[in-house]
Amino acid sequence: MDRISDVGVLDKAMAVIAAVEHEPKALAALVHDTGLARPTVHRLAVALEAHGLLRRDDEGRFVLGPRAVALGRAATDAFPLRDVALPALRDLRDKTQESVQLYVRDGDQRICVASLQSPHGLRTIVNEGAALPLRAGSGGAVLLERPPVLERGWAESVGEREAGVASVSAPVLDRGRVVAAVSVSGPIERLTRTPGKRYARAVMAAARAIEHAI
């Protein structure tokens, strides 16, 4: 486990929380993913459970708890860019009829700070507060500020982060710096394997609208 701060126990507790961000984990899986000793992981997981940051599902695996959900929502609500971006995101969702998201970078992850769902029954769902890999998906490519992406103004991905899902993303700039990524995502069967042809223009227009509102 990498040391991030000068408070070792906090780093270890955060490692346990991070290990269950994407899927439930049994104690053995937590030990494997964190690299910590089994007694340490058990002690931290039980303490985090007592504080509501973790809970156990029907199979006894650890998952994020209600307190973690509440904190995530509070953090999202307190993020000013989200409120500024919502009108443009609603317009993008209504025009494309697909799910839209707004991501910001946090270290080697991207955090979804706003998410609006498609009206279709088959749709992409990314929960607000979700932490996703930075190096997979069009949103991650934008936030990594890869030169080809910034020159073109958008990025696309097909089945890169999740099988069957395609997405198109564009950067939101503030004084020349990428501060967020606007994304449209949905099943490949609707977005096709060249989603940029269909939605790049709309996604870039939404990004420009957010920039003007900042």
Protein backbone atom coordinates (compact mmCIF):
# COMPACT_ATOMS: atom_id res chain seq x y z
CA MET A 1 0.00 0.00 0.00
CA ASP A 2 1.34 3.43 -0.95
CA ARG A 3 1.73 6.00 1.80
CA ILE A 4 -0.20 9.14 0.90
CA SER A 5 -0.23 11.24 4.06
CA ASP A 6 1.65 11.44 7.34
CA VAL A 7 -1.21 9.65 9.12
CA GLY A 8 -0.66 5.98 8.46
CA VAL A 9 -3.88 4.70 9.97
CA LEU A 10 -5.90 7.10 7.82
CA ASP A 11 -4.09 5.95 4.70
CA LYS A 12 -4.90 2.34 5.59
CA ALA A 13 -8.56 3.12 6.28
CA MET A 14 -8.87 4.93 2.95
CA ALA A 15 -7.26 1.96 1.20
CA VAL A 16 -9.97 -0.29 2.63
CA ILE A 17 -12.71 2.09 1.51
CA ALA A 18 -11.18 2.45 -1.96
CA ALA A 19 -11.08 -1.32 -2.34
CA VAL A 20 -14.89 -1.55 -2.25
CA GLU A 21 -15.68 1.48 -4.41
CA HIS A 22 -16.56 -0.60 -7.47
CA GLU A 23 -17.73 -3.94 -6.09
CA PRO A 24 -18.37 -5.80 -2.83
CA LYS A 25 -15.34 -7.47 -1.28
CA ALA A 26 -14.99 -10.27 1.22
CA LEU A 27 -12.32 -9.91 3.90
CA ALA A 28 -9.85 -12.07 1.96
CA ALA A 29 -10.26 -9.87 -1.12
CA LEU A 30 -9.73 -6.74 0.98
CA VAL A 31 -6.49 -8.19 2.34
CA HIS A 32 -5.34 -9.01 -1.18
CA ASP A 33 -6.27 -5.61 -2.66
CA THR A 34 -4.86 -3.45 0.13
CA GLY A 35 -1.73 -5.49 0.86
CA LEU A 36 -2.38 -5.05 4.58
CA ALA A 37 -2.29 -7.71 7.26
CA ARG A 38 -5.55 -9.58 7.78
CA PRO A 39 -5.99 -8.46 11.44
CA THR A 40 -5.42 -4.83 10.41
CA VAL A 41 -7.94 -5.03 7.58
CA HIS A 42 -10.52 -6.71 9.80
CA ARG A 43 -10.09 -4.13 12.56
CA LEU A 44 -10.37 -1.20 10.14
CA ALA A 45 -13.32 -2.65 8.22
CA VAL A 46 -15.28 -3.29 11.43
CA ALA A 47 -14.51 0.24 12.68
CA LEU A 48 -15.57 1.76 9.35
CA GLU A 49 -18.74 -0.31 9.52
CA ALA A 50 -19.48 1.09 12.98
CA HIS A 51 -19.17 4.60 11.54
CA GLY A 52 -21.49 3.77 8.65
CA LEU A 53 -18.77 4.15 6.02
CA LEU A 54 -18.97 0.43 5.23
CA ARG A 55 -21.70 -2.15 5.60
CA ARG A 56 -22.08 -5.83 4.77
CA ASP A 57 -24.32 -7.23 2.06
CA ASP A 58 -26.39 -10.42 2.29
CA GLU A 59 -23.30 -12.50 1.55
CA GLY A 60 -21.27 -10.85 4.30
CA ARG A 61 -19.09 -8.88 1.88
CA PHE A 62 -18.11 -5.30 2.64
CA VAL A 63 -19.66 -2.52 0.55
CA LEU A 64 -19.91 1.24 0.92
CA GLY A 65 -22.20 2.21 3.76
CA PRO A 66 -24.94 4.82 4.10
CA ARG A 67 -22.62 7.38 5.64
CA ALA A 68 -20.29 7.13 2.65
CA VAL A 69 -23.23 7.64 0.31
CA ALA A 70 -24.42 10.67 2.26
CA LEU A 71 -20.93 12.20 2.29
CA GLY A 72 -20.59 11.62 -1.44
CA ARG A 73 -23.88 13.35 -2.14
CA ALA A 74 -23.00 16.24 0.15
CA ALA A 75 -19.64 16.68 -1.56
CA THR A 76 -21.30 16.59 -4.98
CA ASP A 77 -23.91 19.14 -3.93
CA ALA A 78 -21.20 21.41 -2.56
CA PHE A 79 -19.24 21.30 -5.81
CA PRO A 80 -20.04 24.63 -7.56
CA LEU A 81 -19.20 23.42 -11.07
CA ARG A 82 -22.03 20.91 -10.87
CA ASP A 83 -24.71 23.57 -10.42
CA VAL A 84 -23.22 25.72 -13.17
CA ALA A 85 -23.13 22.77 -15.57
CA LEU A 86 -26.60 21.32 -14.96
CA PRO A 87 -28.52 23.42 -17.53
CA ALA A 88 -26.11 22.46 -20.32
CA LEU A 89 -26.12 18.82 -19.20
CA ARG A 90 -29.93 18.70 -19.20
CA ASP A 91 -29.98 20.18 -22.69
CA LEU A 92 -27.41 17.62 -23.86
CA ARG A 93 -29.39 14.75 -22.37
CA ASP A 94 -32.62 15.97 -23.97
CA LYS A 95 -31.00 16.42 -27.39
CA THR A 96 -29.20 13.07 -27.45
CA GLN A 97 -31.67 11.06 -25.36
CA GLU A 98 -28.64 9.38 -23.83
CA SER A 99 -27.10 9.46 -20.35
CA VAL A 100 -24.73 12.35 -19.69
CA GLN A 101 -22.07 12.87 -17.02
CA LEU A 102 -19.66 15.50 -15.77
CA TYR A 103 -16.30 14.26 -14.48
CA VAL A 104 -13.44 15.93 -12.65
CA ARG A 105 -9.98 14.53 -12.03
CA ASP A 106 -8.90 13.33 -8.59
CA GLY A 107 -5.40 11.90 -8.75
CA ASP A 108 -5.47 8.79 -10.93
CA GLN A 109 -9.27 8.61 -10.92
CA ARG A 110 -12.16 10.60 -12.31
CA ILE A 111 -15.11 11.46 -10.12
CA CYS A 112 -18.64 11.79 -11.49
CA VAL A 113 -19.98 15.05 -10.03
CA ALA A 114 -23.17 15.15 -12.12
CA SER A 115 -25.13 12.39 -13.84
CA LEU A 116 -28.39 12.54 -15.80
CA GLN A 117 -29.94 9.33 -17.07
CA SER A 118 -31.29 8.54 -20.51
CA PRO A 119 -35.05 7.99 -20.79
CA HIS A 120 -34.39 4.67 -22.58
CA GLY A 121 -34.85 1.47 -20.62
CA LEU A 122 -31.44 0.24 -21.80
CA ARG A 123 -29.03 2.93 -20.67
CA THR A 124 -25.72 3.68 -19.01
CA ILE A 125 -25.94 4.49 -15.30
CA VAL A 126 -23.05 6.18 -13.52
CA ASN A 127 -23.90 7.25 -9.99
CA GLU A 128 -22.90 10.69 -8.79
CA GLY A 129 -19.83 10.37 -6.60
CA ALA A 130 -18.62 7.27 -8.46
CA ALA A 131 -14.85 7.01 -8.89
CA LEU A 132 -13.79 5.54 -12.24
CA PRO A 133 -10.39 4.71 -13.72
CA LEU A 134 -8.69 7.64 -15.37
CA ARG A 135 -6.99 5.52 -18.02
CA ALA A 136 -10.13 3.92 -19.45
CA GLY A 137 -12.96 5.60 -21.30
CA SER A 138 -13.32 8.85 -23.21
CA GLY A 139 -13.77 10.95 -20.06
CA GLY A 140 -10.44 9.75 -18.75
CA ALA A 141 -8.72 10.54 -22.06
CA VAL A 142 -10.01 14.11 -21.84
CA LEU A 143 -8.93 14.61 -18.23
CA LEU A 144 -5.47 13.23 -19.02
CA GLU A 145 -5.21 16.11 -21.51
CA ARG A 146 -3.80 13.95 -24.26
CA PRO A 147 -2.67 16.26 -27.12
CA PRO A 148 -4.61 14.51 -29.91
CA VAL A 149 -7.80 14.78 -27.87
CA LEU A 150 -7.36 18.47 -27.10
CA GLU A 151 -6.46 19.25 -30.71
CA ARG A 152 -9.58 17.52 -31.99
CA GLY A 153 -11.76 18.74 -29.14
CA TRP A 154 -13.27 15.39 -28.16
CA ALA A 155 -12.54 11.74 -27.40
CA GLU A 156 -14.51 8.56 -27.96
CA SER A 157 -14.36 5.05 -26.56
CA VAL A 158 -16.10 1.81 -27.49
CA GLY A 159 -16.19 -0.98 -24.93
CA GLU A 160 -13.04 0.38 -23.30
CA ARG A 161 -14.21 0.78 -19.70
CA GLU A 162 -17.25 -1.48 -19.84
CA ALA A 163 -18.26 -4.04 -22.44
CA GLY A 164 -21.16 -2.93 -24.62
CA VAL A 165 -20.83 0.76 -23.74
CA ALA A 166 -19.68 3.61 -25.98
CA SER A 167 -19.05 7.21 -25.01
CA VAL A 168 -18.00 10.61 -26.32
CA SER A 169 -16.42 13.29 -24.12
CA ALA A 170 -15.22 16.87 -24.49
CA PRO A 171 -13.07 19.04 -22.22
CA VAL A 172 -14.39 21.96 -20.21
CA LEU A 173 -11.70 24.65 -20.09
CA ASP A 174 -11.16 27.46 -17.62
CA ARG A 175 -8.43 29.90 -18.62
CA GLY A 176 -6.95 27.28 -20.92
CA ARG A 177 -6.89 24.52 -18.28
CA VAL A 178 -9.03 21.38 -18.44
CA VAL A 179 -11.27 21.44 -15.35
CA ALA A 180 -13.84 18.80 -16.29
CA ALA A 181 -15.04 16.40 -18.96
CA VAL A 182 -18.58 16.29 -20.36
CA SER A 183 -19.64 12.84 -21.52
CA VAL A 184 -22.47 11.15 -23.38
CA SER A 185 -22.62 7.39 -22.89
CA GLY A 186 -24.90 4.56 -23.86
CA PRO A 187 -25.10 1.12 -25.45
CA ILE A 188 -23.00 0.57 -28.54
CA GLU A 189 -26.08 -0.51 -30.48
CA ARG A 190 -27.38 3.07 -30.30
CA LEU A 191 -24.16 5.10 -30.22
CA THR A 192 -22.53 2.77 -32.80
CA ARG A 193 -18.81 2.00 -32.97
CA THR A 194 -18.11 5.53 -34.16
CA PRO A 195 -19.97 7.52 -31.48
CA GLY A 196 -17.98 10.67 -32.21
CA LYS A 197 -19.64 11.01 -35.60
CA ARG A 198 -23.01 11.08 -33.90
CA TYR A 199 -22.45 13.14 -30.76
CA ALA A 200 -19.07 14.92 -30.79
CA ARG A 201 -20.60 18.20 -31.98
CA ALA A 202 -23.32 18.14 -29.30
CA VAL A 203 -20.88 17.25 -26.52
CA MET A 204 -18.48 20.03 -27.53
CA ALA A 205 -21.37 22.51 -27.62
CA ALA A 206 -22.33 21.52 -24.08
CA ALA A 207 -18.72 21.99 -22.94
CA ARG A 208 -18.64 25.48 -24.45
CA ALA A 209 -21.94 26.34 -22.75
CA ILE A 210 -20.51 25.30 -19.39
CA GLU A 211 -17.38 27.36 -20.01
CA HIS A 212 -19.47 30.45 -20.71
CA ALA A 213 -21.40 29.86 -17.48
CA ILE A 214 -18.31 29.50 -15.29
